Amino acid sequence: MQSDIELLIQQLQDTSLSGLVSDKTITSDTHLQHGTAHPISPMKNSSPLACTIQPKTSNEVLLLTLLHESEAANITLKRRVIELQAANVLNEMYCNMLRGQLAKQEEKGRKGKGKGKLMGDGLPRLLSSDEFYEKVVVCEEAQKKAVAEKKLKKAEREQRAEALVTWKKLEEKRKIDNKARRAEYHAAMQRWREVKAVAKAEKRKFNEEQPRLGKLPQAIPRPTIDVQEEDDEGDDSGEEEIVVNEDEDSSEDERDV
């Protein structure tokens, strides 16, 4: 049994399917010849004359029977050939689809980010060759560039975090100041109404000017920094998302005035 398998493998190595039994890794450049372009003649019915023959001897009966059996066997074989060729066509389509996916995967591997690999095919290289030296230089430059970009993004994130903290403090102070001004305004209005009521009750002229709240400081715009967050390590700055209702002060101002 083992010898039969080895013989079959040896025979396949001499055909277009040698890539299936080769020790080399199958790549998108490996092309398998499916050999689907084989014309198949249409199936024909038996001759009408054969159906009109009236056998007279035992030999003629035997020959006519063998003729019908042979035609039936030929039809069965031709149907089987059609089925095999249809399956072969589908297999070729499927293999072409797999080759396309494999080519994309290989291209993705070649465009992989710097992970310290100079050669992705696993083949040996002469370390003193000019080609290998150039690849070392390019790889080192790419790694240095990636490290510099990572540091720059980290600094930008830290700067944005500091700006958000400062903005939050200023917003809190603005709200507290506006709240205190509103409280003073409401107290002044209350006193003004009381004095006005007393003057009206005493039927004397009241000339005291009505208190005004005035324009309150509006919400401070949130700092925005155009930073492209694409850290390979998934580093999350963990910044707190602060949402301020900028219409809050304006709506209160409209009620107070």
Protein backbone atom coordinates (compact mmCIF):
# COMPACT_ATOMS: atom_id res chain seq x y z
CA MET A 1 0.00 0.00 0.00
CA GLN A 2 2.81 2.40 0.92
CA SER A 3 4.62 1.62 -2.31
CA ASP A 4 1.45 2.32 -4.31
CA ILE A 5 1.10 5.74 -2.63
CA GLU A 6 4.74 6.59 -3.31
CA LEU A 7 4.31 5.53 -6.93
CA LEU A 8 1.22 7.73 -7.26
CA ILE A 9 3.07 10.71 -5.76
CA GLN A 10 5.95 10.15 -8.16
CA GLN A 11 3.54 10.10 -11.08
CA LEU A 12 1.82 13.29 -9.91
CA GLN A 13 5.16 15.10 -9.71
CA ASP A 14 5.52 14.66 -13.48
CA THR A 15 2.15 16.31 -14.18
CA SER A 16 0.62 19.78 -13.83
CA LEU A 17 -0.56 18.80 -10.32
CA SER A 18 2.99 18.57 -9.00
CA GLY A 19 2.34 21.58 -6.74
CA LEU A 20 0.02 19.44 -4.60
CA VAL A 21 2.73 16.92 -3.69
CA SER A 22 5.71 19.28 -3.67
CA ASP A 23 7.63 20.21 -0.51
CA LYS A 24 7.53 23.88 -1.53
CA THR A 25 4.93 26.19 0.00
CA ILE A 26 1.95 26.85 -2.25
CA THR A 27 1.68 30.56 -3.11
CA SER A 28 -0.63 32.65 -5.25
CA ASP A 29 1.81 32.13 -8.13
CA THR A 30 1.26 28.37 -8.07
CA HIS A 31 -0.88 27.58 -11.07
CA LEU A 32 -2.75 24.29 -11.35
CA GLN A 33 -3.83 23.22 -14.81
CA HIS A 34 -7.29 21.74 -14.51
CA GLY A 35 -7.60 20.83 -18.18
CA THR A 36 -11.29 21.67 -18.51
CA ALA A 37 -11.27 22.41 -22.25
CA HIS A 38 -12.32 18.95 -23.42
CA PRO A 39 -15.24 18.92 -25.87
CA ILE A 40 -17.92 16.31 -25.26
CA SER A 41 -20.09 15.17 -28.13
CA PRO A 42 -23.85 15.22 -27.56
CA MET A 43 -25.60 12.03 -26.62
CA LYS A 44 -27.42 10.42 -29.51
CA ASN A 45 -30.25 7.95 -29.53
CA SER A 46 -29.76 4.56 -31.09
CA SER A 47 -30.33 4.23 -34.80
CA PRO A 48 -34.00 3.69 -35.76
CA LEU A 49 -32.93 0.81 -37.95
CA ALA A 50 -31.66 -1.09 -34.90
CA CYS A 51 -35.15 -0.96 -33.40
CA THR A 52 -36.75 -2.39 -36.55
CA ILE A 53 -34.47 -5.41 -36.79
CA GLN A 54 -36.32 -8.66 -36.22
CA PRO A 55 -33.77 -11.27 -35.09
CA LYS A 56 -34.33 -14.70 -36.57
CA THR A 57 -31.56 -16.68 -35.01
CA SER A 58 -30.18 -16.99 -31.51
CA ASN A 59 -26.97 -15.29 -32.61
CA GLU A 60 -28.87 -12.27 -33.91
CA VAL A 61 -30.78 -12.01 -30.62
CA LEU A 62 -27.52 -12.14 -28.69
CA LEU A 63 -25.86 -9.55 -30.91
CA LEU A 64 -28.84 -7.19 -30.70
CA THR A 65 -28.89 -7.51 -26.91
CA LEU A 66 -25.19 -6.76 -26.71
CA LEU A 67 -25.71 -3.72 -28.95
CA HIS A 68 -28.36 -2.26 -26.64
CA GLU A 69 -26.23 -2.93 -23.58
CA SER A 70 -23.22 -1.27 -25.21
CA GLU A 71 -25.25 1.84 -26.10
CA ALA A 72 -26.60 2.05 -22.56
CA ALA A 73 -23.09 1.73 -21.12
CA ASN A 74 -21.82 4.47 -23.46
CA ILE A 75 -24.63 6.82 -22.40
CA THR A 76 -23.87 6.16 -18.72
CA LEU A 77 -20.16 6.80 -19.23
CA LYS A 78 -20.81 10.01 -21.16
CA ARG A 79 -23.08 11.32 -18.40
CA ARG A 80 -20.39 10.53 -15.87
CA VAL A 81 -17.81 12.39 -17.96
CA ILE A 82 -20.11 15.43 -18.09
CA GLU A 83 -20.54 15.34 -14.29
CA LEU A 84 -16.78 15.06 -13.73
CA GLN A 85 -16.03 17.90 -16.12
CA ALA A 86 -18.67 20.12 -14.48
CA ALA A 87 -17.12 19.40 -11.08
CA ASN A 88 -13.71 20.18 -12.56
CA VAL A 89 -14.97 23.55 -13.80
CA LEU A 90 -16.36 24.37 -10.35
CA ASN A 91 -13.07 23.31 -8.73
CA GLU A 92 -11.15 25.59 -11.07
CA MET A 93 -13.40 28.53 -10.19
CA TYR A 94 -12.96 27.80 -6.49
CA CYS A 95 -9.18 27.52 -6.84
CA ASN A 96 -9.04 30.86 -8.66
CA MET A 97 -11.02 32.45 -5.83
CA LEU A 98 -8.62 30.96 -3.27
CA ARG A 99 -5.64 32.22 -5.26
CA GLY A 100 -7.08 35.73 -5.14
CA GLN A 101 -7.57 35.53 -1.38
CA LEU A 102 -4.08 34.10 -0.95
CA ALA A 103 -2.61 36.92 -3.05
CA LYS A 104 -4.33 39.51 -0.84
CA GLN A 105 -3.03 37.77 2.26
CA GLU A 106 0.50 37.73 0.86
CA GLU A 107 0.26 41.40 -0.07
CA LYS A 108 -0.98 42.20 3.41
CA GLY A 109 1.96 40.30 4.88
CA ARG A 110 4.41 42.21 2.70
CA LYS A 111 2.88 45.51 3.76
CA GLY A 112 2.89 44.53 7.42
CA LYS A 113 3.99 47.08 9.96
CA GLY A 114 7.54 46.96 11.23
CA LYS A 115 7.86 43.97 13.48
CA GLY A 116 11.58 43.40 13.07
CA LYS A 117 11.28 41.03 10.09
CA LEU A 118 13.41 41.94 7.09
CA MET A 119 12.44 38.97 4.92
CA GLY A 120 9.01 37.47 5.08
CA ASP A 121 9.56 34.44 2.85
CA GLY A 122 11.74 32.50 5.33
CA LEU A 123 14.53 31.99 2.80
CA PRO A 124 18.21 32.41 3.80
CA ARG A 125 20.04 35.62 2.91
CA LEU A 126 23.69 36.61 2.66
CA LEU A 127 24.11 39.10 5.51
CA SER A 128 26.94 40.95 3.76
CA SER A 129 25.04 41.49 0.49
CA ASP A 130 24.08 45.02 -0.61
CA GLU A 131 20.42 44.06 -0.91
CA PHE A 132 20.23 42.83 2.67
CA TYR A 133 22.11 45.90 3.96
CA GLU A 134 19.68 48.23 2.19
CA LYS A 135 16.75 46.38 3.70
CA VAL A 136 18.33 46.73 7.16
CA VAL A 137 18.69 50.48 6.66
CA VAL A 138 15.11 50.85 5.43
CA CYS A 139 13.81 48.73 8.31
CA GLU A 140 15.69 50.76 10.93
CA GLU A 141 14.43 54.03 9.46
CA ALA A 142 10.85 52.74 9.45
CA GLN A 143 11.14 51.62 13.08
CA LYS A 144 12.61 54.98 14.14
CA LYS A 145 9.85 56.79 12.31
CA ALA A 146 7.19 54.64 13.99
CA VAL A 147 8.69 55.31 17.44
CA ALA A 148 8.83 59.07 16.75
CA GLU A 149 5.21 59.12 15.56
CA LYS A 150 4.13 57.18 18.64
CA LYS A 151 5.88 59.65 20.95
CA LEU A 152 4.33 62.58 19.08
CA LYS A 153 0.83 61.10 19.38
CA LYS A 154 1.38 60.46 23.07
CA ALA A 155 2.51 64.07 23.61
CA GLU A 156 -0.53 65.35 21.71
CA ARG A 157 -2.84 63.21 23.82
CA GLU A 158 -1.25 64.50 27.01
CA GLN A 159 -1.54 68.07 25.75
CA ARG A 160 -5.20 67.52 24.93
CA ALA A 161 -5.82 65.99 28.36
CA GLU A 162 -4.21 68.98 30.09
CA ALA A 163 -6.22 71.38 27.95
CA LEU A 164 -9.44 69.57 28.85
CA VAL A 165 -8.61 69.70 32.57
CA THR A 166 -7.91 73.45 32.35
CA TRP A 167 -11.08 74.00 30.34
CA LYS A 168 -13.14 72.08 32.88
CA LYS A 169 -11.79 74.22 35.75
CA LEU A 170 -12.54 77.43 33.87
CA GLU A 171 -16.04 76.19 33.06
CA GLU A 172 -16.72 75.32 36.69
CA LYS A 173 -15.46 78.76 37.81
CA ARG A 174 -17.62 80.48 35.19
CA LYS A 175 -20.71 78.60 36.35
CA ILE A 176 -20.02 79.44 40.00
CA ASP A 177 -19.50 83.15 39.17
CA ASN A 178 -22.65 83.27 37.07
CA LYS A 179 -24.61 81.59 39.84
CA ALA A 180 -23.33 84.14 42.38
CA ARG A 181 -24.22 87.03 40.09
CA ARG A 182 -27.71 85.66 39.60
CA ALA A 183 -28.14 85.30 43.36
CA GLU A 184 -27.06 88.94 43.89
CA TYR A 185 -29.37 90.02 41.10
CA HIS A 186 -32.39 88.21 42.56
CA ALA A 187 -31.66 89.66 46.01
CA ALA A 188 -31.36 93.18 44.56
CA MET A 189 -34.61 92.72 42.65
CA GLN A 190 -36.35 91.58 45.79
CA ARG A 191 -35.18 94.65 47.69
CA TRP A 192 -36.14 96.91 44.77
CA ARG A 193 -39.67 95.48 44.65
CA GLU A 194 -40.07 95.92 48.42
CA VAL A 195 -38.91 99.56 48.31
CA LYS A 196 -41.13 100.21 45.30
CA ALA A 197 -44.12 98.71 47.12
CA VAL A 198 -43.48 100.90 50.18
CA ALA A 199 -43.22 104.00 48.00
CA LYS A 200 -46.42 103.13 46.24
CA ALA A 201 -48.20 102.60 49.53
CA GLU A 202 -46.97 105.99 50.81
CA LYS A 203 -47.96 107.58 47.49
CA ARG A 204 -44.58 109.10 46.91
CA LYS A 205 -42.48 109.20 43.79
CA PHE A 206 -40.13 106.24 43.25
CA ASN A 207 -37.09 107.00 41.09
CA GLU A 208 -34.76 104.16 42.01
CA GLU A 209 -33.45 102.42 38.90
CA GLN A 210 -34.33 98.73 38.45
CA PRO A 211 -31.36 96.36 38.89
CA ARG A 212 -30.03 94.72 35.75
CA LEU A 213 -28.34 91.34 35.55
CA GLY A 214 -26.28 92.25 32.53
CA LYS A 215 -24.55 89.97 30.08
CA LEU A 216 -23.11 86.87 31.70
CA PRO A 217 -19.97 85.17 30.37
CA GLN A 218 -20.90 82.55 27.80
CA ALA A 219 -19.69 78.96 27.78
CA ILE A 220 -16.01 78.61 26.97
CA PRO A 221 -15.49 76.64 23.74
CA ARG A 222 -14.13 73.20 24.34
CA PRO A 223 -10.53 72.81 23.12
CA THR A 224 -10.19 70.66 20.03
CA ILE A 225 -6.95 69.18 18.73
CA ASP A 226 -6.83 67.35 15.43
CA VAL A 227 -5.11 64.16 16.53
CA GLN A 228 -5.36 60.91 14.55
CA GLU A 229 -5.79 58.24 17.21
CA GLU A 230 -4.21 55.22 15.54
CA ASP A 231 -2.01 53.70 18.21
CA ASP A 232 -1.00 50.16 17.23
CA GLU A 233 -0.96 49.02 20.84
CA GLY A 234 -4.46 50.31 21.44
CA ASP A 235 -3.23 52.82 24.04
CA ASP A 236 -6.24 54.55 25.49
CA SER A 237 -5.72 57.92 27.10
CA GLY A 238 -8.74 57.42 29.34
CA GLU A 239 -9.84 61.03 29.01
CA GLU A 240 -13.10 62.02 30.61
CA GLU A 241 -15.71 63.13 28.12
CA ILE A 242 -17.08 66.47 29.33
CA VAL A 243 -20.33 67.73 27.88
CA VAL A 244 -21.51 71.24 28.61
CA ASN A 245 -24.95 72.55 27.86
CA GLU A 246 -24.08 75.89 26.32
CA ASP A 247 -27.76 76.89 26.13
CA GLU A 248 -28.08 76.70 29.92
CA ASP A 249 -26.73 80.18 30.66
CA SER A 250 -28.46 81.80 27.72
CA SER A 251 -31.87 80.37 28.72
CA GLU A 252 -31.39 81.50 32.31
CA ASP A 253 -30.34 84.97 31.16
CA GLU A 254 -33.54 85.28 29.16
CA ARG A 255 -35.61 84.37 32.21
CA ASP A 256 -33.75 86.74 34.50
CA VAL A 257 -33.73 89.83 32.32
